Each structure stands twice: as structure tokens, then as C-alpha cells.
PDB file of N, CA and C in Angstrom:
ATOM      1  N   MET A   1      89.353 111.974  59.337  1.00  0.00           N
ATOM      2  CA  MET A   1      88.485 110.908  60.836  1.00  0.00           C
ATOM      3  C   MET A   1      87.227 110.616  59.981  1.00  0.00           C
ATOM      4  N   ALA A   2      86.766 109.437  60.253  1.00  0.00           N
ATOM      5  CA  ALA A   2      85.137 109.123  59.956  1.00  0.00           C
ATOM      6  C   ALA A   2      84.681 109.894  61.050  1.00  0.00           C
ATOM      7  N   MET A   3      83.779 110.357  61.094  1.00  0.00           N
ATOM      8  CA  MET A   3      82.257 110.649  61.852  1.00  0.00           C
ATOM      9  C   MET A   3      81.209 109.804  62.172  1.00  0.00           C
ATOM     10  N   THR A   4      80.094 109.876  62.580  1.00  0.00           N
ATOM     11  CA  THR A   4      79.166 109.199  62.786  1.00  0.00           C
ATOM     12  C   THR A   4      78.317 110.173  63.488  1.00  0.00           C
ATOM     13  N   VAL A   5      77.244 110.337  62.450  1.00  0.00           N
ATOM     14  CA  VAL A   5      76.340 111.507  62.896  1.00  0.00           C
ATOM     15  C   VAL A   5      74.866 110.831  63.527  1.00  0.00           C
ATOM     16  N   VAL A   6      75.229 111.122  64.720  1.00  0.00           N
ATOM     17  CA  VAL A   6      73.813 110.596  65.389  1.00  0.00           C
ATOM     18  C   VAL A   6      72.451 111.258  65.363  1.00  0.00           C
ATOM     19  N   SER A   7      71.389 110.115  65.595  1.00  0.00           N
ATOM     20  CA  SER A   7      69.714 110.809  65.345  1.00  0.00           C
ATOM     21  C   SER A   7      69.506 111.929  66.459  1.00  0.00           C
ATOM     22  N   ASP A   8      69.706 111.266  67.645  1.00  0.00           N
ATOM     23  CA  ASP A   8      69.287 111.824  68.698  1.00  0.00           C
ATOM     24  C   ASP A   8      70.071 113.277  69.219  1.00  0.00           C
ATOM     25  N   LEU A   9      69.597 114.094  69.393  1.00  0.00           N
ATOM     26  CA  LEU A   9      69.927 115.429  69.836  1.00  0.00           C
ATOM     27  C   LEU A   9      70.625 115.289  71.256  1.00  0.00           C
ATOM     28  N   SER A  10      70.094 113.998  71.837  1.00  0.00           N
ATOM     29  CA  SER A  10      70.873 113.985  73.117  1.00  0.00           C
ATOM     30  C   SER A  10      72.267 113.530  73.340  1.00  0.00           C
ATOM     31  N   TRP A  11      72.343 113.063  72.585  1.00  0.00           N
ATOM     32  CA  TRP A  11      73.852 111.801  72.613  1.00  0.00           C
ATOM     33  C   TRP A  11      74.637 112.947  71.454  1.00  0.00           C
ATOM     34  N   ARG A  12      76.126 112.692  71.957  1.00  0.00           N
ATOM     35  CA  ARG A  12      76.980 113.621  71.428  1.00  0.00           C
ATOM     36  C   ARG A  12      77.735 112.361  70.413  1.00  0.00           C
ATOM     37  N   THR A  13      78.659 113.038  69.737  1.00  0.00           N
ATOM     38  CA  THR A  13      78.954 111.970  68.631  1.00  0.00           C
ATOM     39  C   THR A  13      80.705 112.414  68.987  1.00  0.00           C
ATOM     40  N   ALA A  14      81.648 111.933  67.726  1.00  0.00           N
ATOM     41  CA  ALA A  14      83.477 112.198  68.200  1.00  0.00           C
ATOM     42  C   ALA A  14      83.540 112.797  68.041  1.00  0.00           C
ATOM     43  N   VAL A  15      84.758 113.694  68.879  1.00  0.00           N
ATOM     44  CA  VAL A  15      84.936 114.997  68.957  1.00  0.00           C
ATOM     45  C   VAL A  15      85.579 115.381  66.964  1.00  0.00           C
ATOM     46  N   ALA A  16      84.953 116.200  66.449  1.00  0.00           N
ATOM     47  CA  ALA A  16      85.719 116.884  65.008  1.00  0.00           C
ATOM     48  C   ALA A  16      86.205 117.900  65.526  1.00  0.00           C
ATOM     49  N   SER A  17      87.476 118.361  64.164  1.00  0.00           N
ATOM     50  CA  SER A  17      87.841 119.405  64.261  1.00  0.00           C
ATOM     51  C   SER A  17      87.985 119.792  63.016  1.00  0.00           C
ATOM     52  N   GLY A  18      88.497 121.433  63.112  1.00  0.00           N
ATOM     53  CA  GLY A  18      88.446 122.063  61.649  1.00  0.00           C
ATOM     54  C   GLY A  18      88.600 123.449  62.231  1.00  0.00           C
ATOM     55  N   ARG A  19      87.712 124.680  61.290  1.00  0.00           N
ATOM     56  CA  ARG A  19      88.222 125.895  61.480  1.00  0.00           C
ATOM     57  C   ARG A  19      86.660 126.458  61.335  1.00  0.00           C
ATOM     58  N   ILE A  20      86.384 127.388  61.800  1.00  0.00           N
ATOM     59  CA  ILE A  20      85.307 128.646  61.834  1.00  0.00           C
ATOM     60  C   ILE A  20      85.193 129.440  60.344  1.00  0.00           C
ATOM     61  N   LYS A  21      84.129 129.047  60.015  1.00  0.00           N
ATOM     62  CA  LYS A  21      84.007 129.401  58.412  1.00  0.00           C
ATOM     63  C   LYS A  21      83.522 130.653  58.363  1.00  0.00           C
ATOM     64  N   LYS A  22      82.280 130.697  58.780  1.00  0.00           N
ATOM     65  CA  LYS A  22      81.634 132.044  58.560  1.00  0.00           C
ATOM     66  C   LYS A  22      80.652 132.572  59.931  1.00  0.00           C
ATOM     67  N   ILE A  23      81.042 133.159  60.579  1.00  0.00           N
ATOM     68  CA  ILE A  23      79.656 133.883  61.930  1.00  0.00           C
ATOM     69  C   ILE A  23      78.993 134.599  60.746  1.00  0.00           C
ATOM     70  N   ILE A  24      77.942 134.637  61.191  1.00  0.00           N
ATOM     71  CA  ILE A  24      77.027 135.797  60.981  1.00  0.00           C
ATOM     72  C   ILE A  24      76.287 136.538  62.634  1.00  0.00           C
ATOM     73  N   PRO A  25      77.277 137.424  62.827  1.00  0.00           N
ATOM     74  CA  PRO A  25      76.866 138.216  64.636  1.00  0.00           C
ATOM     75  C   PRO A  25      75.432 138.707  64.791  1.00  0.00           C
ATOM     76  N   ASP A  26      74.788 139.261  63.951  1.00  0.00           N
ATOM     77  CA  ASP A  26      73.170 139.567  64.168  1.00  0.00           C
ATOM     78  C   ASP A  26      72.538 138.433  63.842  1.00  0.00           C
ATOM     79  N   ARG A  27      72.829 137.456  63.691  1.00  0.00           N
ATOM     80  CA  ARG A  27      71.820 136.310  63.443  1.00  0.00           C
ATOM     81  C   ARG A  27      71.912 135.482  64.279  1.00  0.00           C
ATOM     82  N   GLY A  28      72.826 135.351  64.909  1.00  0.00           N
ATOM     83  CA  GLY A  28      73.327 134.449  65.895  1.00  0.00           C
ATOM     84  C   GLY A  28      73.845 132.731  65.750  1.00  0.00           C
ATOM     85  N   PHE A  29      74.257 133.166  64.348  1.00  0.00           N
ATOM     86  CA  PHE A  29      74.952 131.421  64.208  1.00  0.00           C
ATOM     87  C   PHE A  29      75.708 131.511  62.927  1.00  0.00           C
ATOM     88  N   GLY A  30      76.453 131.081  62.916  1.00  0.00           N
ATOM     89  CA  GLY A  30      77.439 130.391  61.647  1.00  0.00           C
ATOM     90  C   GLY A  30      78.255 128.956  61.240  1.00  0.00           C
ATOM     91  N   PHE A  31      79.024 128.668  60.853  1.00  0.00           N
ATOM     92  CA  PHE A  31      79.712 127.277  59.770  1.00  0.00           C
ATOM     93  C   PHE A  31      80.853 127.118  60.592  1.00  0.00           C
ATOM     94  N   VAL A  32      80.944 125.904  60.744  1.00  0.00           N
ATOM     95  CA  VAL A  32      82.301 125.283  60.781  1.00  0.00           C
ATOM     96  C   VAL A  32      82.499 124.010  59.429  1.00  0.00           C
ATOM     97  N   ARG A  33      84.151 124.688  59.140  1.00  0.00           N
ATOM     98  CA  ARG A  33      84.466 123.584  58.148  1.00  0.00           C
ATOM     99  C   ARG A  33      85.026 122.821  58.935  1.00  0.00           C
ATOM    100  N   ALA A  34      85.063 121.280  58.734  1.00  0.00           N
ATOM    101  CA  ALA A  34      85.581 120.160  59.150  1.00  0.00           C
ATOM    102  C   ALA A  34      86.823 119.822  58.732  1.00  0.00           C
ATOM    103  N   ASP A  35      87.530 119.318  59.172  1.00  0.00           N
ATOM    104  CA  ASP A  35      88.919 118.985  58.414  1.00  0.00           C
ATOM    105  C   ASP A  35      88.939 117.814  57.294  1.00  0.00           C
ATOM    106  N   ASP A  36      87.818 117.500  57.226  1.00  0.00           N
ATOM    107  CA  ASP A  36      87.201 116.470  55.928  1.00  0.00           C
ATOM    108  C   ASP A  36      86.303 117.105  55.617  1.00  0.00           C
ATOM    109  N   GLY A  37      86.361 118.341  55.361  1.00  0.00           N
ATOM    110  CA  GLY A  37      85.640 119.494  54.493  1.00  0.00           C
ATOM    111  C   GLY A  37      84.419 119.887  53.925  1.00  0.00           C
ATOM    112  N   ASN A  38      83.644 119.185  55.346  1.00  0.00           N
ATOM    113  CA  ASN A  38      82.410 119.167  55.033  1.00  0.00           C
ATOM    114  C   ASN A  38      81.886 120.286  55.948  1.00  0.00           C
ATOM    115  N   GLU A  39      81.115 121.068  55.989  1.00  0.00           N
ATOM    116  CA  GLU A  39      80.167 122.797  56.743  1.00  0.00           C
ATOM    117  C   GLU A  39      79.532 122.186  56.916  1.00  0.00           C
ATOM    118  N   VAL A  40      79.521 122.757  58.691  1.00  0.00           N
ATOM    119  CA  VAL A  40      78.409 122.482  59.442  1.00  0.00           C
ATOM    120  C   VAL A  40      77.839 123.550  59.932  1.00  0.00           C
ATOM    121  N   PHE A  41      76.460 123.705  60.165  1.00  0.00           N
ATOM    122  CA  PHE A  41      75.807 125.035  61.018  1.00  0.00           C
ATOM    123  C   PHE A  41      76.015 124.296  62.565  1.00  0.00           C
ATOM    124  N   PHE A  42      76.033 125.884  63.296  1.00  0.00           N
ATOM    125  CA  PHE A  42      75.995 126.158  64.614  1.00  0.00           C
ATOM    126  C   PHE A  42      74.863 127.462  64.911  1.00  0.00           C
ATOM    127  N   HIS A  43      74.603 127.466  66.175  1.00  0.00           N
ATOM    128  CA  HIS A  43      74.100 128.304  66.577  1.00  0.00           C
ATOM    129  C   HIS A  43      74.255 129.396  67.739  1.00  0.00           C
ATOM    130  N   ARG A  44      74.492 130.236  67.783  1.00  0.00           N
ATOM    131  CA  ARG A  44      74.792 130.311  69.517  1.00  0.00           C
ATOM    132  C   ARG A  44      74.332 129.947  70.780  1.00  0.00           C
ATOM    133  N   THR A  45      72.967 129.441  70.775  1.00  0.00           N
ATOM    134  CA  THR A  45      72.361 129.005  71.815  1.00  0.00           C
ATOM    135  C   THR A  45      72.846 127.294  72.060  1.00  0.00           C
ATOM    136  N   GLU A  46      73.715 126.981  71.331  1.00  0.00           N
ATOM    137  CA  GLU A  46      74.316 125.493  71.312  1.00  0.00           C
ATOM    138  C   GLU A  46      75.733 125.565  71.922  1.00  0.00           C
ATOM    139  N   LEU A  47      76.245 126.733  71.981  1.00  0.00           N
ATOM    140  CA  LEU A  47      77.350 127.237  72.923  1.00  0.00           C
ATOM    141  C   LEU A  47      77.536 126.947  74.426  1.00  0.00           C
ATOM    142  N   THR A  48      78.445 126.194  74.904  1.00  0.00           N
ATOM    143  CA  THR A  48      78.706 126.025  76.382  1.00  0.00           C
ATOM    144  C   THR A  48      80.010 126.684  76.804  1.00  0.00           C
ATOM    145  N   THR A  49      80.967 126.190  76.377  1.00  0.00           N
ATOM    146  CA  THR A  49      82.001 126.966  76.899  1.00  0.00           C
ATOM    147  C   THR A  49      83.165 127.929  76.163  1.00  0.00           C
ATOM    148  N   VAL A  50      81.906 128.457  75.365  1.00  0.00           N
ATOM    149  CA  VAL A  50      82.853 129.400  74.682  1.00  0.00           C
ATOM    150  C   VAL A  50      81.581 130.561  73.934  1.00  0.00           C
ATOM    151  N   ASP A  51      82.812 131.975  74.485  1.00  0.00           N
ATOM    152  CA  ASP A  51      81.330 132.725  74.236  1.00  0.00           C
ATOM    153  C   ASP A  51      81.365 133.186  72.436  1.00  0.00           C
ATOM    154  N   PHE A  52      79.945 133.242  71.797  1.00  0.00           N
ATOM    155  CA  PHE A  52      79.982 133.228  70.789  1.00  0.00           C
ATOM    156  C   PHE A  52      80.430 134.565  69.857  1.00  0.00           C
ATOM    157  N   ASP A  53      80.341 135.706  70.927  1.00  0.00           N
ATOM    158  CA  ASP A  53      81.311 137.077  69.854  1.00  0.00           C
ATOM    159  C   ASP A  53      82.911 136.842  70.309  1.00  0.00           C
ATOM    160  N   THR A  54      83.321 135.583  70.596  1.00  0.00           N
ATOM    161  CA  THR A  54      84.855 135.683  70.684  1.00  0.00           C
ATOM    162  C   THR A  54      85.419 134.792  69.643  1.00  0.00           C
ATOM    163  N   LEU A  55      84.614 134.068  68.673  1.00  0.00           N
ATOM    164  CA  LEU A  55      84.790 133.509  67.812  1.00  0.00           C
ATOM    165  C   LEU A  55      85.029 134.163  66.617  1.00  0.00           C
ATOM    166  N   GLN A  56      86.484 133.751  66.132  1.00  0.00           N
ATOM    167  CA  GLN A  56      86.699 134.502  64.726  1.00  0.00           C
ATOM    168  C   GLN A  56      86.822 133.402  63.638  1.00  0.00           C
ATOM    169  N   GLU A  57      86.593 134.565  62.389  1.00  0.00           N
ATOM    170  CA  GLU A  57      86.698 133.695  61.342  1.00  0.00           C
ATOM    171  C   GLU A  57      87.937 132.703  60.728  1.00  0.00           C
ATOM    172  N   GLY A  58      88.128 131.648  60.637  1.00  0.00           N
ATOM    173  CA  GLY A  58      89.261 130.960  60.487  1.00  0.00           C
ATOM    174  C   GLY A  58      89.998 130.188  61.700  1.00  0.00           C
ATOM    175  N   GLU A  59      89.733 130.714  63.112  1.00  0.00           N
ATOM    176  CA  GLU A  59      90.129 130.022  64.271  1.00  0.00           C
ATOM    177  C   GLU A  59      90.079 128.315  64.062  1.00  0.00           C
ATOM    178  N   SER A  60      90.909 128.251  64.887  1.00  0.00           N
ATOM    179  CA  SER A  60      90.818 126.474  64.748  1.00  0.00           C
ATOM    180  C   SER A  60      89.707 125.929  66.138  1.00  0.00           C
ATOM    181  N   VAL A  61      89.206 125.104  65.771  1.00  0.00           N
ATOM    182  CA  VAL A  61      88.185 124.618  66.472  1.00  0.00           C
ATOM    183  C   VAL A  61      87.828 122.956  66.725  1.00  0.00           C
ATOM    184  N   THR A  62      87.521 122.714  68.147  1.00  0.00           N
ATOM    185  CA  THR A  62      87.001 121.212  68.136  1.00  0.00           C
ATOM    186  C   THR A  62      85.496 121.593  68.520  1.00  0.00           C
ATOM    187  N   PHE A  63      84.390 120.374  67.869  1.00  0.00           N
ATOM    188  CA  PHE A  63      82.646 120.208  68.073  1.00  0.00           C
ATOM    189  C   PHE A  63      82.454 119.122  67.455  1.00  0.00           C
ATOM    190  N   ASP A  64      81.261 118.960  67.959  1.00  0.00           N
ATOM    191  CA  ASP A  64      80.567 117.269  68.400  1.00  0.00           C
ATOM    192  C   ASP A  64      79.696 118.177  67.221  1.00  0.00           C
ATOM    193  N   ILE A  65      79.043 117.001  66.220  1.00  0.00           N
ATOM    194  CA  ILE A  65      78.016 116.984  64.931  1.00  0.00           C
ATOM    195  C   ILE A  65      76.746 116.450  65.470  1.00  0.00           C
ATOM    196  N   VAL A  66      76.033 117.160  65.733  1.00  0.00           N
ATOM    197  CA  VAL A  66      74.560 116.227  65.955  1.00  0.00           C
ATOM    198  C   VAL A  66      73.730 116.066  64.548  1.00  0.00           C
ATOM    199  N   GLU A  67      73.101 115.326  64.985  1.00  0.00           N
ATOM    200  CA  GLU A  67      71.751 115.173  63.622  1.00  0.00           C
ATOM    201  C   GLU A  67      70.564 116.094  64.315  1.00  0.00           C
ATOM    202  N   SER A  68      69.633 116.927  63.519  1.00  0.00           N
ATOM    203  CA  SER A  68      68.651 118.001  63.653  1.00  0.00           C
ATOM    204  C   SER A  68      67.836 117.586  62.971  1.00  0.00           C
ATOM    205  N   PRO A  69      66.401 118.183  63.300  1.00  0.00           N
ATOM    206  CA  PRO A  69      65.161 117.753  61.942  1.00  0.00           C
ATOM    207  C   PRO A  69      65.617 118.852  60.658  1.00  0.00           C
ATOM    208  N   LYS A  70      66.753 119.505  60.894  1.00  0.00           N
ATOM    209  CA  LYS A  70      67.257 120.105  59.766  1.00  0.00           C
ATOM    210  C   LYS A  70      68.817 119.728  59.006  1.00  0.00           C
ATOM    211  N   GLY A  71      68.827 119.302  59.505  1.00  0.00           N
ATOM    212  CA  GLY A  71      70.372 118.577  59.263  1.00  0.00           C
ATOM    213  C   GLY A  71      71.618 118.343  60.544  1.00  0.00           C
ATOM    214  N   PRO A  72      72.401 117.846  59.734  1.00  0.00           N
ATOM    215  CA  PRO A  72      73.170 118.621  61.243  1.00  0.00           C
ATOM    216  C   PRO A  72      73.889 119.676  61.699  1.00  0.00           C
ATOM    217  N   ARG A  73      74.428 119.445  62.933  1.00  0.00           N
ATOM    218  CA  ARG A  73      74.727 120.705  63.549  1.00  0.00           C
ATOM    219  C   ARG A  73      75.859 120.641  64.335  1.00  0.00           C
ATOM    220  N   ALA A  74      76.590 121.349  64.669  1.00  0.00           N
ATOM    221  CA  ALA A  74      77.934 121.410  65.471  1.00  0.00           C
ATOM    222  C   ALA A  74      77.646 122.023  66.407  1.00  0.00           C
ATOM    223  N   ARG A  75      78.080 121.348  67.650  1.00  0.00           N
ATOM    224  CA  ARG A  75      77.645 121.417  69.284  1.00  0.00           C
ATOM    225  C   ARG A  75      78.758 121.230  69.753  1.00  0.00           C
ATOM    226  N   ASN A  76      78.883 122.248  71.137  1.00  0.00           N
ATOM    227  CA  ASN A  76      79.865 121.934  72.097  1.00  0.00           C
ATOM    228  C   ASN A  76      81.341 122.461  71.430  1.00  0.00           C
ATOM    229  N   ILE A  77      81.029 123.634  70.542  1.00  0.00           N
ATOM    230  CA  ILE A  77      82.154 123.842  70.551  1.00  0.00           C
ATOM    231  C   ILE A  77      83.398 124.509  71.065  1.00  0.00           C
ATOM    232  N   GLN A  78      84.969 124.354  70.785  1.00  0.00           N
ATOM    233  CA  GLN A  78      85.571 124.701  71.814  1.00  0.00           C
ATOM    234  C   GLN A  78      87.069 125.254  70.871  1.00  0.00           C
ATOM    235  N   LYS A  79      87.735 126.033  71.409  1.00  0.00           N
ATOM    236  CA  LYS A  79      88.597 126.464  70.684  1.00  0.00           C
ATOM    237  C   LYS A  79      89.467 125.537  70.267  1.00  0.00           C
ATOM    238  N   ALA A  80      91.127 125.218  69.955  1.00  0.00           N
ATOM    239  CA  ALA A  80      91.413 124.350  69.503  1.00  0.00           C
ATOM    240  C   ALA A  80      92.330 125.283  70.597  1.00  0.00           C
ATOM    241  N   SER A  81      93.657 124.045  71.364  1.00  0.00           N
ATOM    242  CA  SER A  81      94.480 124.483  71.314  1.00  0.00           C
ATOM    243  C   SER A  81      95.889 124.409  71.278  1.00  0.00           C
TER     244      SER A  81
END
């Protein structure tokens, strides 16, 4: 699936899917690996419908990718049904 990354944090992109690759619980962030192989950073403050503490490595998720000053970020992570 081709994804377009937007440059404004207020806009959302097409929904991507992938798996939680790594979680660093004491720092409040992690990484997701999209189905296309790209890895994207996420922070607990950007989660809206899922509790950071319930995410598990390897879990299937959907998410939006947005551009930030430090590069692409995953936002609106949701557990895949």
C-alpha cells in the first residue's frame, strides 16, 4: 500500500497497518513496523483510543503516519480487529 506522508501535524494520512515492533515503557514510546517494512516512531501522548500500557510487541495495529520536525511518526494507533 502506498502511503502519502503529510507535512502538517494537523492533517492525517491514509491508514497504514503493521505490528508493534518495540516498546520502551519507561520512556513512553515505541516503534511500529508497517506492512511495507518501514519503521515509524510513536509516543504515548499521541495515542487517543488505546492505552499505551496495553500495547504488546508483535501486536497487529492500524495507524496514521504524519510528518514531524524529527521525521515520520505514527499517530492514532488502534489495535487491529
